[in-house]
Amino acid sequence: MATNRPFPIDATLTAVAIAYRNPAHALIYRRALPPLQVLSEQFKWNEFPIGEAFTVPELEVGRKGRPGQVEFTAEERDSSVPASVRPAM
């Protein structure tokens, strides 16, 4: 009996995929993103207006034309980490 599925189903390979787990020594998270000591409880970031993210600028350039410039505005914000979230060092 043929099934109406877009891919072949193999019960053995499905069982292997479900049972496989990465051993802890093979994970690279410590090498890729090592834990760092936080130097300050205060931090700053740039907040961009959401309207600028969804505006499509006119970027077409003719044979002898010059490309236009696209500018974005941002407002610098600052904050701090609450005491309840800070890890004990």
PDB file of N, CA and C in Angstrom:
ATOM      1  N   MET A   1       0.836  -1.154   0.000  1.00  0.00           N
ATOM      2  CA  MET A   1       0.000   0.000   0.000  1.00  0.00           C
ATOM      3  C   MET A   1       0.899   1.241   0.000  1.00  0.00           C
ATOM      4  N   ALA A   2       0.700   2.131  -0.926  1.00  0.00           N
ATOM      5  CA  ALA A   2       1.511   3.336  -1.064  1.00  0.00           C
ATOM      6  C   ALA A   2       0.967   4.432  -0.154  1.00  0.00           C
ATOM      7  N   THR A   3       1.914   5.130   0.490  1.00  0.00           N
ATOM      8  CA  THR A   3       1.498   6.260   1.329  1.00  0.00           C
ATOM      9  C   THR A   3       1.587   7.542   0.511  1.00  0.00           C
ATOM     10  N   ASN A   4       0.808   8.503   0.891  1.00  0.00           N
ATOM     11  CA  ASN A   4       0.779   9.772   0.182  1.00  0.00           C
ATOM     12  C   ASN A   4       1.652  10.780   0.935  1.00  0.00           C
ATOM     13  N   ARG A   5       2.967  10.513   1.007  1.00  0.00           N
ATOM     14  CA  ARG A   5       3.898  11.376   1.724  1.00  0.00           C
ATOM     15  C   ARG A   5       4.970  11.868   0.759  1.00  0.00           C
ATOM     16  N   PRO A   6       5.494  13.089   0.954  1.00  0.00           N
ATOM     17  CA  PRO A   6       6.483  13.642   0.028  1.00  0.00           C
ATOM     18  C   PRO A   6       7.892  13.096   0.228  1.00  0.00           C
ATOM     19  N   PHE A   7       8.092  12.196   1.195  1.00  0.00           N
ATOM     20  CA  PHE A   7       9.422  11.651   1.452  1.00  0.00           C
ATOM     21  C   PHE A   7       9.299  10.212   1.907  1.00  0.00           C
ATOM     22  N   PRO A   8      10.344   9.424   1.667  1.00  0.00           N
ATOM     23  CA  PRO A   8      10.286   8.021   2.115  1.00  0.00           C
ATOM     24  C   PRO A   8      10.431   7.939   3.637  1.00  0.00           C
ATOM     25  N   ILE A   9       9.734   6.995   4.231  1.00  0.00           N
ATOM     26  CA  ILE A   9       9.784   6.807   5.677  1.00  0.00           C
ATOM     27  C   ILE A   9      10.516   5.519   5.965  1.00  0.00           C
ATOM     28  N   ASP A  10      11.539   5.620   6.825  1.00  0.00           N
ATOM     29  CA  ASP A  10      12.311   4.453   7.238  1.00  0.00           C
ATOM     30  C   ASP A  10      12.274   4.416   8.762  1.00  0.00           C
ATOM     31  N   ALA A  11      11.616   3.428   9.330  1.00  0.00           N
ATOM     32  CA  ALA A  11      11.438   3.349  10.782  1.00  0.00           C
ATOM     33  C   ALA A  11      12.771   3.224  11.515  1.00  0.00           C
ATOM     34  N   THR A  12      13.736   2.523  10.938  1.00  0.00           N
ATOM     35  CA  THR A  12      15.045   2.352  11.575  1.00  0.00           C
ATOM     36  C   THR A  12      15.773   3.692  11.686  1.00  0.00           C
ATOM     37  N   LEU A  13      15.808   4.461  10.593  1.00  0.00           N
ATOM     38  CA  LEU A  13      16.480   5.757  10.619  1.00  0.00           C
ATOM     39  C   LEU A  13      15.747   6.748  11.527  1.00  0.00           C
ATOM     40  N   THR A  14      14.446   6.659  11.592  1.00  0.00           N
ATOM     41  CA  THR A  14      13.685   7.516  12.489  1.00  0.00           C
ATOM     42  C   THR A  14      14.033   7.208  13.938  1.00  0.00           C
ATOM     43  N   ALA A  15      14.154   5.942  14.281  1.00  0.00           N
ATOM     44  CA  ALA A  15      14.514   5.548  15.644  1.00  0.00           C
ATOM     45  C   ALA A  15      15.922   6.017  15.999  1.00  0.00           C
ATOM     46  N   VAL A  16      16.850   5.920  15.052  1.00  0.00           N
ATOM     47  CA  VAL A  16      18.218   6.388  15.297  1.00  0.00           C
ATOM     48  C   VAL A  16      18.222   7.899  15.534  1.00  0.00           C
ATOM     49  N   ALA A  17      17.501   8.652  14.727  1.00  0.00           N
ATOM     50  CA  ALA A  17      17.454  10.106  14.876  1.00  0.00           C
ATOM     51  C   ALA A  17      16.835  10.510  16.213  1.00  0.00           C
ATOM     52  N   ILE A  18      15.834   9.796  16.681  1.00  0.00           N
ATOM     53  CA  ILE A  18      15.195  10.116  17.956  1.00  0.00           C
ATOM     54  C   ILE A  18      16.109   9.750  19.122  1.00  0.00           C
ATOM     55  N   ALA A  19      16.832   8.651  19.037  1.00  0.00           N
ATOM     56  CA  ALA A  19      17.646   8.170  20.148  1.00  0.00           C
ATOM     57  C   ALA A  19      18.996   8.856  20.257  1.00  0.00           C
ATOM     58  N   TYR A  20      19.508   9.482  19.189  1.00  0.00           N
ATOM     59  CA  TYR A  20      20.853  10.061  19.219  1.00  0.00           C
ATOM     60  C   TYR A  20      20.915  11.279  20.127  1.00  0.00           C
ATOM     61  N   ARG A  21      21.947  11.351  20.930  1.00  0.00           N
ATOM     62  CA  ARG A  21      22.215  12.513  21.776  1.00  0.00           C
ATOM     63  C   ARG A  21      23.690  12.863  21.636  1.00  0.00           C
ATOM     64  N   ASN A  22      24.008  14.160  21.562  1.00  0.00           N
ATOM     65  CA  ASN A  22      25.397  14.591  21.530  1.00  0.00           C
ATOM     66  C   ASN A  22      26.018  14.376  22.903  1.00  0.00           C
ATOM     67  N   PRO A  23      27.205  13.762  22.943  1.00  0.00           N
ATOM     68  CA  PRO A  23      27.868  13.632  24.242  1.00  0.00           C
ATOM     69  C   PRO A  23      28.320  15.015  24.729  1.00  0.00           C
ATOM     70  N   ALA A  24      28.352  15.196  26.048  1.00  0.00           N
ATOM     71  CA  ALA A  24      28.670  16.511  26.619  1.00  0.00           C
ATOM     72  C   ALA A  24      30.050  16.998  26.194  1.00  0.00           C
ATOM     73  N   HIS A  25      31.011  16.094  26.023  1.00  0.00           N
ATOM     74  CA  HIS A  25      32.360  16.528  25.664  1.00  0.00           C
ATOM     75  C   HIS A  25      32.456  17.002  24.210  1.00  0.00           C
ATOM     76  N   ALA A  26      31.439  16.708  23.398  1.00  0.00           N
ATOM     77  CA  ALA A  26      31.483  17.112  21.991  1.00  0.00           C
ATOM     78  C   ALA A  26      30.863  18.480  21.762  1.00  0.00           C
ATOM     79  N   LEU A  27      30.199  19.050  22.771  1.00  0.00           N
ATOM     80  CA  LEU A  27      29.557  20.353  22.609  1.00  0.00           C
ATOM     81  C   LEU A  27      30.608  21.457  22.615  1.00  0.00           C
ATOM     82  N   ILE A  28      30.436  22.447  21.767  1.00  0.00           N
ATOM     83  CA  ILE A  28      31.459  23.485  21.621  1.00  0.00           C
ATOM     84  C   ILE A  28      31.053  24.810  22.248  1.00  0.00           C
ATOM     85  N   TYR A  29      30.001  24.837  23.012  1.00  0.00           N
ATOM     86  CA  TYR A  29      29.511  26.122  23.511  1.00  0.00           C
ATOM     87  C   TYR A  29      30.541  26.819  24.388  1.00  0.00           C
ATOM     88  N   ARG A  30      31.336  26.092  25.132  1.00  0.00           N
ATOM     89  CA  ARG A  30      32.349  26.731  25.970  1.00  0.00           C
ATOM     90  C   ARG A  30      33.447  27.379  25.127  1.00  0.00           C
ATOM     91  N   ARG A  31      33.767  26.778  23.981  1.00  0.00           N
ATOM     92  CA  ARG A  31      34.781  27.373  23.105  1.00  0.00           C
ATOM     93  C   ARG A  31      34.204  28.502  22.268  1.00  0.00           C
ATOM     94  N   ALA A  32      32.947  28.364  21.846  1.00  0.00           N
ATOM     95  CA  ALA A  32      32.350  29.378  20.981  1.00  0.00           C
ATOM     96  C   ALA A  32      31.930  30.620  21.772  1.00  0.00           C
ATOM     97  N   LEU A  33      31.327  30.436  22.920  1.00  0.00           N
ATOM     98  CA  LEU A  33      30.868  31.546  23.756  1.00  0.00           C
ATOM     99  C   LEU A  33      31.292  31.316  25.203  1.00  0.00           C
ATOM    100  N   PRO A  34      32.554  31.561  25.491  1.00  0.00           N
ATOM    101  CA  PRO A  34      33.016  31.312  26.859  1.00  0.00           C
ATOM    102  C   PRO A  34      32.371  32.298  27.834  1.00  0.00           C
ATOM    103  N   PRO A  35      32.192  31.889  29.082  1.00  0.00           N
ATOM    104  CA  PRO A  35      31.625  32.807  30.067  1.00  0.00           C
ATOM    105  C   PRO A  35      32.598  33.953  30.331  1.00  0.00           C
ATOM    106  N   LEU A  36      32.074  35.154  30.422  1.00  0.00           N
ATOM    107  CA  LEU A  36      32.890  36.338  30.652  1.00  0.00           C
ATOM    108  C   LEU A  36      32.444  37.039  31.929  1.00  0.00           C
ATOM    109  N   GLN A  37      33.393  37.666  32.586  1.00  0.00           N
ATOM    110  CA  GLN A  37      33.057  38.446  33.760  1.00  0.00           C
ATOM    111  C   GLN A  37      32.457  39.770  33.297  1.00  0.00           C
ATOM    112  N   VAL A  38      31.359  40.143  33.873  1.00  0.00           N
ATOM    113  CA  VAL A  38      30.701  41.402  33.526  1.00  0.00           C
ATOM    114  C   VAL A  38      31.380  42.511  34.305  1.00  0.00           C
ATOM    115  N   LEU A  39      31.828  43.548  33.590  1.00  0.00           N
ATOM    116  CA  LEU A  39      32.578  44.615  34.233  1.00  0.00           C
ATOM    117  C   LEU A  39      31.687  45.687  34.841  1.00  0.00           C
ATOM    118  N   SER A  40      30.464  45.802  34.364  1.00  0.00           N
ATOM    119  CA  SER A  40      29.581  46.848  34.860  1.00  0.00           C
ATOM    120  C   SER A  40      28.137  46.353  34.868  1.00  0.00           C
ATOM    121  N   GLU A  41      27.358  46.884  35.797  1.00  0.00           N
ATOM    122  CA  GLU A  41      25.947  46.524  35.847  1.00  0.00           C
ATOM    123  C   GLU A  41      25.123  47.394  34.917  1.00  0.00           C
ATOM    124  N   GLN A  42      25.706  48.453  34.388  1.00  0.00           N
ATOM    125  CA  GLN A  42      25.043  49.361  33.459  1.00  0.00           C
ATOM    126  C   GLN A  42      25.410  48.965  32.033  1.00  0.00           C
ATOM    127  N   PHE A  43      24.491  49.117  31.101  1.00  0.00           N
ATOM    128  CA  PHE A  43      24.790  48.866  29.691  1.00  0.00           C
ATOM    129  C   PHE A  43      23.990  49.820  28.828  1.00  0.00           C
ATOM    130  N   LYS A  44      24.461  50.038  27.594  1.00  0.00           N
ATOM    131  CA  LYS A  44      23.817  50.938  26.647  1.00  0.00           C
ATOM    132  C   LYS A  44      23.574  50.219  25.329  1.00  0.00           C
ATOM    133  N   TRP A  45      22.559  50.667  24.604  1.00  0.00           N
ATOM    134  CA  TRP A  45      22.268  50.130  23.286  1.00  0.00           C
ATOM    135  C   TRP A  45      21.608  51.208  22.453  1.00  0.00           C
ATOM    136  N   ASN A  46      21.563  50.985  21.151  1.00  0.00           N
ATOM    137  CA  ASN A  46      20.894  51.904  20.231  1.00  0.00           C
ATOM    138  C   ASN A  46      19.516  51.358  19.902  1.00  0.00           C
ATOM    139  N   GLU A  47      18.507  52.197  20.048  1.00  0.00           N
ATOM    140  CA  GLU A  47      17.142  51.797  19.715  1.00  0.00           C
ATOM    141  C   GLU A  47      16.745  52.488  18.409  1.00  0.00           C
ATOM    142  N   PHE A  48      16.390  51.686  17.408  1.00  0.00           N
ATOM    143  CA  PHE A  48      16.018  52.190  16.101  1.00  0.00           C
ATOM    144  C   PHE A  48      14.497  52.227  15.977  1.00  0.00           C
ATOM    145  N   PRO A  49      13.938  53.265  15.359  1.00  0.00           N
ATOM    146  CA  PRO A  49      12.482  53.316  15.167  1.00  0.00           C
ATOM    147  C   PRO A  49      12.006  52.153  14.289  1.00  0.00           C
ATOM    148  N   ILE A  50      10.938  51.509  14.689  1.00  0.00           N
ATOM    149  CA  ILE A  50      10.440  50.342  13.966  1.00  0.00           C
ATOM    150  C   ILE A  50       9.985  50.709  12.563  1.00  0.00           C
ATOM    151  N   GLY A  51       9.526  51.923  12.353  1.00  0.00           N
ATOM    152  CA  GLY A  51       9.076  52.342  11.025  1.00  0.00           C
ATOM    153  C   GLY A  51      10.192  52.354   9.997  1.00  0.00           C
ATOM    154  N   GLU A  52      11.416  52.659  10.429  1.00  0.00           N
ATOM    155  CA  GLU A  52      12.536  52.663   9.492  1.00  0.00           C
ATOM    156  C   GLU A  52      12.907  51.253   9.041  1.00  0.00           C
ATOM    157  N   ALA A  53      12.611  50.267   9.848  1.00  0.00           N
ATOM    158  CA  ALA A  53      12.967  48.892   9.503  1.00  0.00           C
ATOM    159  C   ALA A  53      12.100  48.353   8.371  1.00  0.00           C
ATOM    160  N   PHE A  54      10.876  48.871   8.234  1.00  0.00           N
ATOM    161  CA  PHE A  54       9.961  48.344   7.238  1.00  0.00           C
ATOM    162  C   PHE A  54       9.749  49.287   6.054  1.00  0.00           C
ATOM    163  N   THR A  55      10.498  50.379   5.997  1.00  0.00           N
ATOM    164  CA  THR A  55      10.408  51.306   4.881  1.00  0.00           C
ATOM    165  C   THR A  55      11.373  50.864   3.790  1.00  0.00           C
ATOM    166  N   VAL A  56      10.885  50.698   2.591  1.00  0.00           N
ATOM    167  CA  VAL A  56      11.738  50.284   1.476  1.00  0.00           C
ATOM    168  C   VAL A  56      12.209  51.543   0.752  1.00  0.00           C
ATOM    169  N   PRO A  57      13.509  51.844   0.801  1.00  0.00           N
ATOM    170  CA  PRO A  57      13.994  53.057   0.145  1.00  0.00           C
ATOM    171  C   PRO A  57      14.082  52.885  -1.366  1.00  0.00           C
ATOM    172  N   GLU A  58      14.093  53.988  -2.075  1.00  0.00           N
ATOM    173  CA  GLU A  58      14.243  53.982  -3.532  1.00  0.00           C
ATOM    174  C   GLU A  58      15.732  53.814  -3.844  1.00  0.00           C
ATOM    175  N   LEU A  59      16.114  52.643  -4.343  1.00  0.00           N
ATOM    176  CA  LEU A  59      17.524  52.341  -4.562  1.00  0.00           C
ATOM    177  C   LEU A  59      17.862  52.086  -6.021  1.00  0.00           C
ATOM    178  N   GLU A  60      16.954  52.372  -6.927  1.00  0.00           N
ATOM    179  CA  GLU A  60      17.238  52.133  -8.340  1.00  0.00           C
ATOM    180  C   GLU A  60      18.224  53.180  -8.844  1.00  0.00           C
ATOM    181  N   VAL A  61      19.166  52.734  -9.688  1.00  0.00           N
ATOM    182  CA  VAL A  61      20.200  53.613 -10.223  1.00  0.00           C
ATOM    183  C   VAL A  61      20.210  53.470 -11.731  1.00  0.00           C
ATOM    184  N   GLY A  62      20.209  54.603 -12.431  1.00  0.00           N
ATOM    185  CA  GLY A  62      20.265  54.578 -13.892  1.00  0.00           C
ATOM    186  C   GLY A  62      21.687  54.352 -14.389  1.00  0.00           C
ATOM    187  N   ARG A  63      21.838  54.372 -15.715  1.00  0.00           N
ATOM    188  CA  ARG A  63      23.137  54.107 -16.322  1.00  0.00           C
ATOM    189  C   ARG A  63      24.168  55.140 -15.906  1.00  0.00           C
ATOM    190  N   LYS A  64      23.783  56.396 -15.815  1.00  0.00           N
ATOM    191  CA  LYS A  64      24.711  57.450 -15.438  1.00  0.00           C
ATOM    192  C   LYS A  64      24.404  58.021 -14.057  1.00  0.00           C
ATOM    193  N   GLY A  65      23.504  57.389 -13.357  1.00  0.00           N
ATOM    194  CA  GLY A  65      23.086  57.904 -12.054  1.00  0.00           C
ATOM    195  C   GLY A  65      24.047  57.531 -10.937  1.00  0.00           C
ATOM    196  N   ARG A  66      23.822  58.146  -9.821  1.00  0.00           N
ATOM    197  CA  ARG A  66      24.595  57.841  -8.624  1.00  0.00           C
ATOM    198  C   ARG A  66      23.653  57.202  -7.602  1.00  0.00           C
ATOM    199  N   PRO A  67      24.130  56.204  -6.889  1.00  0.00           N
ATOM    200  CA  PRO A  67      23.264  55.571  -5.896  1.00  0.00           C
ATOM    201  C   PRO A  67      22.954  56.533  -4.755  1.00  0.00           C
ATOM    202  N   GLY A  68      21.748  56.464  -4.253  1.00  0.00           N
ATOM    203  CA  GLY A  68      21.351  57.308  -3.134  1.00  0.00           C
ATOM    204  C   GLY A  68      21.884  56.761  -1.823  1.00  0.00           C
ATOM    205  N   GLN A  69      21.881  57.607  -0.830  1.00  0.00           N
ATOM    206  CA  GLN A  69      22.319  57.188   0.493  1.00  0.00           C
ATOM    207  C   GLN A  69      21.100  56.893   1.355  1.00  0.00           C
ATOM    208  N   VAL A  70      21.256  55.890   2.189  1.00  0.00           N
ATOM    209  CA  VAL A  70      20.195  55.522   3.115  1.00  0.00           C
ATOM    210  C   VAL A  70      20.701  55.847   4.513  1.00  0.00           C
ATOM    211  N   GLU A  71      19.908  56.590   5.262  1.00  0.00           N
ATOM    212  CA  GLU A  71      20.301  56.959   6.624  1.00  0.00           C
ATOM    213  C   GLU A  71      19.278  56.428   7.613  1.00  0.00           C
ATOM    214  N   PHE A  72      19.781  56.027   8.749  1.00  0.00           N
ATOM    215  CA  PHE A  72      18.944  55.535   9.827  1.00  0.00           C
ATOM    216  C   PHE A  72      19.186  56.382  11.065  1.00  0.00           C
ATOM    217  N   THR A  73      18.174  56.564  11.852  1.00  0.00           N
ATOM    218  CA  THR A  73      18.322  57.288  13.106  1.00  0.00           C
ATOM    219  C   THR A  73      18.213  56.302  14.258  1.00  0.00           C
ATOM    220  N   ALA A  74      18.856  56.639  15.342  1.00  0.00           N
ATOM    221  CA  ALA A  74      18.808  55.783  16.520  1.00  0.00           C
ATOM    222  C   ALA A  74      18.885  56.659  17.760  1.00  0.00           C
ATOM    223  N   GLU A  75      18.335  56.161  18.831  1.00  0.00           N
ATOM    224  CA  GLU A  75      18.392  56.857  20.103  1.00  0.00           C
ATOM    225  C   GLU A  75      19.129  55.961  21.092  1.00  0.00           C
ATOM    226  N   GLU A  76      20.143  56.514  21.747  1.00  0.00           N
ATOM    227  CA  GLU A  76      20.913  55.722  22.692  1.00  0.00           C
ATOM    228  C   GLU A  76      20.129  55.563  23.989  1.00  0.00           C
ATOM    229  N   ARG A  77      20.002  54.337  24.438  1.00  0.00           N
ATOM    230  CA  ARG A  77      19.299  54.024  25.681  1.00  0.00           C
ATOM    231  C   ARG A  77      20.289  53.375  26.644  1.00  0.00           C
ATOM    232  N   ASP A  78      20.000  53.472  27.910  1.00  0.00           N
ATOM    233  CA  ASP A  78      20.830  52.777  28.890  1.00  0.00           C
ATOM    234  C   ASP A  78      19.942  52.132  29.933  1.00  0.00           C
ATOM    235  N   SER A  79      20.496  51.129  30.590  1.00  0.00           N
ATOM    236  CA  SER A  79      19.755  50.383  31.584  1.00  0.00           C
ATOM    237  C   SER A  79      20.751  49.693  32.506  1.00  0.00           C
ATOM    238  N   SER A  80      20.245  48.905  33.419  1.00  0.00           N
ATOM    239  CA  SER A  80      21.111  48.150  34.315  1.00  0.00           C
ATOM    240  C   SER A  80      20.479  46.790  34.579  1.00  0.00           C
ATOM    241  N   VAL A  81      21.313  45.902  35.076  1.00  0.00           N
ATOM    242  CA  VAL A  81      20.855  44.556  35.392  1.00  0.00           C
ATOM    243  C   VAL A  81      20.289  44.569  36.805  1.00  0.00           C
ATOM    244  N   PRO A  82      19.052  44.103  36.999  1.00  0.00           N
ATOM    245  CA  PRO A  82      18.484  44.098  38.347  1.00  0.00           C
ATOM    246  C   PRO A  82      19.245  43.141  39.255  1.00  0.00           C
ATOM    247  N   ALA A  83      19.260  43.443  40.532  1.00  0.00           N
ATOM    248  CA  ALA A  83      20.014  42.644  41.500  1.00  0.00           C
ATOM    249  C   ALA A  83      19.533  41.201  41.545  1.00  0.00           C
ATOM    250  N   SER A  84      18.267  40.953  41.281  1.00  0.00           N
ATOM    251  CA  SER A  84      17.733  39.590  41.353  1.00  0.00           C
ATOM    252  C   SER A  84      18.245  38.712  40.210  1.00  0.00           C
ATOM    253  N   VAL A  85      18.798  39.316  39.146  1.00  0.00           N
ATOM    254  CA  VAL A  85      19.254  38.545  37.994  1.00  0.00           C
ATOM    255  C   VAL A  85      20.768  38.345  38.019  1.00  0.00           C
ATOM    256  N   ARG A  86      21.477  39.167  38.755  1.00  0.00           N
ATOM    257  CA  ARG A  86      22.948  39.092  38.773  1.00  0.00           C
ATOM    258  C   ARG A  86      23.421  37.786  39.374  1.00  0.00           C
ATOM    259  N   PRO A  87      24.347  37.103  38.666  1.00  0.00           N
ATOM    260  CA  PRO A  87      24.896  35.869  39.245  1.00  0.00           C
ATOM    261  C   PRO A  87      25.903  36.187  40.342  1.00  0.00           C
ATOM    262  N   ALA A  88      25.993  35.330  41.327  1.00  0.00           N
ATOM    263  CA  ALA A  88      26.984  35.507  42.394  1.00  0.00           C
ATOM    264  C   ALA A  88      28.340  35.084  41.879  1.00  0.00           C
ATOM    265  N   MET A  89      29.328  35.920  42.037  1.00  0.00           N
ATOM    266  CA  MET A  89      30.690  35.605  41.562  1.00  0.00           C
ATOM    267  C   MET A  89      31.575  35.263  42.720  1.00  0.00           C
TER     268      MET A  89
END
